[in-house]
Amino acid sequence: VDSVTRALYEKGWGGINIEPNPEFNAQLCTRRPRDINLKQAVGDREAVLTMNFLGNPGLSTLDDGIAEQHQAAGWTSERQEVEVKTLAAIWQAHVPAGQAVHFLKVDVEGFEEAALKGNDWQNNRPWVVVVEATLPMSQVECHQAWEPILLNAGYQLAYADGLNRFYVAQEHAELLS
């Protein structure tokens, strides 16, 4: 449910799933045995940070301000420490040199800027990057802080669907259409 990558997996694609929620990570390990499933979060530095696991697990976040808004709306929250790695470190550990990465989906509930800052965009170049681009539980766009990271790294906006923004690496401009 609500998986952006499940259809790709079912078509034979493989990848790396990064999921700090223990329950969701366990589901990924069971349902996607060909994938690499990491129980951690993504940020701009390696650390141990406190994650807010909300009653609606899709709203869980490292951003305390967003968690407080959800709590004010009636969602329960449990705080738990999680390991945080950068995309660059994950890439180095799990993507063999020269292997193409076709698709990167970033859905980190308010932590997009930190997640994107943690990659080496010069060397680690997914063909397509999809980033959730609205405030949680809304259609209010919030890409202004992090979009320049992708644009300055040579990605072009290809499409926005009201929730996500899709970018294509300049070296794969043939995918824009």
Protein backbone atom coordinates (compact mmCIF):
# COMPACT_ATOMS: atom_id res chain seq x y z
CA VAL A 1 0.00 0.00 0.00
CA ASP A 2 1.29 3.45 -0.95
CA SER A 3 4.50 2.00 -2.38
CA VAL A 4 6.08 3.87 -5.25
CA THR A 5 8.58 1.09 -5.99
CA ARG A 6 6.54 -2.11 -5.58
CA ALA A 7 5.54 -2.23 -9.25
CA LEU A 8 9.19 -1.88 -10.26
CA TYR A 9 10.15 -4.77 -7.97
CA GLU A 10 7.36 -6.93 -9.39
CA LYS A 11 8.73 -6.25 -12.91
CA GLY A 12 12.12 -7.65 -11.82
CA TRP A 13 13.92 -4.48 -10.79
CA GLY A 14 15.99 -4.50 -7.63
CA GLY A 15 17.19 -1.79 -5.35
CA ILE A 16 17.96 -0.43 -1.95
CA ASN A 17 15.11 0.36 0.42
CA ILE A 18 15.91 2.64 3.32
CA GLU A 19 13.27 2.37 6.01
CA PRO A 20 13.87 3.29 9.67
CA ASN A 21 10.45 2.09 10.84
CA PRO A 22 11.11 -1.40 12.29
CA GLU A 23 7.69 -2.75 11.24
CA PHE A 24 7.95 -1.48 7.67
CA ASN A 25 11.57 -2.61 7.41
CA ALA A 26 10.57 -6.12 8.49
CA GLN A 27 7.85 -6.13 5.81
CA LEU A 28 10.37 -5.08 3.19
CA CYS A 29 12.77 -7.83 4.26
CA THR A 30 9.98 -10.40 3.89
CA ARG A 31 8.38 -9.08 0.70
CA ARG A 32 11.50 -7.92 -1.15
CA PRO A 33 14.19 -10.52 -0.53
CA ARG A 34 16.13 -9.58 -3.70
CA ASP A 35 16.55 -6.00 -2.47
CA ILE A 36 18.93 -4.53 0.07
CA ASN A 37 16.76 -3.38 2.98
CA LEU A 38 18.39 -0.98 5.44
CA LYS A 39 16.81 -0.08 8.78
CA GLN A 40 18.08 3.48 9.00
CA ALA A 41 17.27 7.03 7.95
CA VAL A 42 18.97 9.37 5.47
CA GLY A 43 20.44 12.80 6.20
CA ASP A 44 23.29 15.17 5.46
CA ARG A 45 25.63 13.55 8.00
CA GLU A 46 26.13 10.25 9.72
CA ALA A 47 24.63 10.33 13.19
CA VAL A 48 22.15 8.83 15.57
CA LEU A 49 19.05 11.03 15.66
CA THR A 50 15.69 10.82 17.34
CA MET A 51 12.86 9.85 15.02
CA ASN A 52 9.21 10.54 15.70
CA PHE A 53 7.23 7.39 14.86
CA LEU A 54 3.62 8.49 14.51
CA GLY A 55 0.37 6.55 14.82
CA ASN A 56 0.07 6.95 11.05
CA PRO A 57 3.45 5.39 10.16
CA GLY A 58 3.59 7.21 6.82
CA LEU A 59 3.93 10.47 8.74
CA SER A 60 6.95 9.42 10.82
CA THR A 61 9.68 12.04 10.66
CA LEU A 62 13.03 13.25 11.95
CA ASP A 63 11.63 16.80 11.86
CA ASP A 64 10.35 17.62 15.36
CA GLY A 65 8.33 20.59 14.09
CA ILE A 66 6.37 18.41 11.68
CA ALA A 67 5.88 15.79 14.40
CA GLU A 68 4.50 18.45 16.75
CA GLN A 69 1.98 19.53 14.09
CA HIS A 70 0.80 15.94 13.71
CA GLN A 71 0.57 15.51 17.48
CA ALA A 72 -1.54 18.68 17.68
CA ALA A 73 -3.84 17.11 15.08
CA GLY A 74 -4.30 14.08 17.37
CA TRP A 75 -1.70 11.60 16.16
CA THR A 76 0.19 9.63 18.78
CA SER A 77 3.97 9.68 18.62
CA GLU A 78 6.78 7.55 19.97
CA ARG A 79 10.36 8.82 19.85
CA GLN A 80 13.17 6.40 19.12
CA GLU A 81 16.81 6.78 18.16
CA VAL A 82 17.71 5.73 14.62
CA GLU A 83 20.95 5.45 12.71
CA VAL A 84 21.28 8.08 9.97
CA LYS A 85 23.56 7.66 6.95
CA THR A 86 24.19 9.85 3.94
CA LEU A 87 23.13 8.82 0.45
CA ALA A 88 26.82 9.04 -0.50
CA ALA A 89 27.79 6.51 2.20
CA ILE A 90 24.95 4.17 1.23
CA TRP A 91 25.94 4.44 -2.43
CA GLN A 92 29.58 3.68 -1.63
CA ALA A 93 28.66 0.67 0.50
CA HIS A 94 26.02 -0.90 -1.75
CA VAL A 95 26.36 0.25 -5.38
CA PRO A 96 29.21 -1.39 -7.29
CA ALA A 97 31.45 1.01 -9.22
CA GLY A 98 30.06 1.67 -12.68
CA GLN A 99 26.61 0.25 -11.94
CA ALA A 100 23.79 2.44 -13.22
CA VAL A 101 21.13 3.56 -10.78
CA HIS A 102 18.00 4.28 -12.76
CA PHE A 103 15.63 5.55 -10.10
CA LEU A 104 15.90 7.27 -6.71
CA LYS A 105 12.78 8.07 -4.68
CA VAL A 106 13.13 10.43 -1.71
CA ASP A 107 10.19 10.42 0.72
CA VAL A 108 11.47 11.59 4.09
CA GLU A 109 8.68 13.72 5.56
CA GLY A 110 10.33 17.11 5.84
CA PHE A 111 13.96 15.95 5.74
CA GLU A 112 14.36 16.23 1.94
CA GLU A 113 16.98 18.96 1.98
CA ALA A 114 19.20 17.04 4.41
CA ALA A 115 18.77 13.80 2.45
CA LEU A 116 19.71 15.44 -0.84
CA LYS A 117 22.66 17.33 0.66
CA GLY A 118 24.06 13.96 1.76
CA ASN A 119 24.74 12.75 -1.77
CA ASP A 120 27.77 13.29 -4.01
CA TRP A 121 25.81 14.41 -7.07
CA GLN A 122 28.93 14.66 -9.22
CA ASN A 123 29.74 10.95 -8.86
CA ASN A 124 26.43 9.36 -7.79
CA ARG A 125 24.01 10.08 -10.64
CA PRO A 126 20.65 8.34 -10.63
CA TRP A 127 18.98 8.75 -14.02
CA VAL A 128 15.64 9.81 -12.49
CA VAL A 129 15.12 11.36 -9.06
CA VAL A 130 11.63 11.61 -7.58
CA VAL A 131 11.15 13.68 -4.44
CA GLU A 132 7.98 14.11 -2.41
CA ALA A 133 7.41 17.84 -2.71
CA THR A 134 4.47 18.79 -0.51
CA LEU A 135 4.09 19.37 3.20
CA PRO A 136 2.87 16.18 4.90
CA MET A 137 -0.88 15.59 4.59
CA SER A 138 -1.31 18.55 2.23
CA GLN A 139 -0.93 19.73 -1.33
CA VAL A 140 1.17 22.72 -0.23
CA GLU A 141 4.39 22.61 -2.25
CA CYS A 142 7.64 22.77 -0.27
CA HIS A 143 10.42 22.17 -2.79
CA GLN A 144 11.98 25.65 -2.70
CA ALA A 145 14.67 24.80 -0.15
CA TRP A 146 15.92 21.59 -1.74
CA GLU A 147 15.20 21.87 -5.47
CA PRO A 148 18.33 24.00 -6.16
CA ILE A 149 20.46 21.04 -5.01
CA LEU A 150 19.16 18.99 -7.93
CA LEU A 151 19.07 21.80 -10.47
CA ASN A 152 22.65 22.82 -9.64
CA ALA A 153 23.71 19.16 -9.97
CA GLY A 154 22.50 19.00 -13.56
CA TYR A 155 18.99 17.65 -13.15
CA GLN A 156 15.99 19.03 -14.97
CA LEU A 157 12.42 19.08 -13.71
CA ALA A 158 10.44 16.73 -15.94
CA TYR A 159 7.08 16.48 -14.20
CA ALA A 160 5.13 17.34 -11.06
CA ASP A 161 2.08 15.28 -10.11
CA GLY A 162 0.81 17.33 -7.16
CA LEU A 163 2.72 15.23 -4.61
CA ASN A 164 6.09 14.43 -6.18
CA ARG A 165 8.52 16.21 -8.48
CA PHE A 166 10.36 14.14 -11.08
CA TYR A 167 13.86 15.13 -12.26
CA VAL A 168 16.02 13.71 -15.05
CA ALA A 169 19.82 13.81 -15.14
CA GLN A 170 21.07 15.99 -18.01
CA GLU A 171 23.05 13.05 -19.43
CA HIS A 172 19.77 11.16 -19.83
CA ALA A 173 17.72 13.99 -21.31
CA GLU A 174 16.17 11.52 -23.77
CA LEU A 175 13.99 10.38 -20.82
CA LEU A 176 12.35 13.80 -20.41
CA SER A 177 9.51 13.00 -22.79
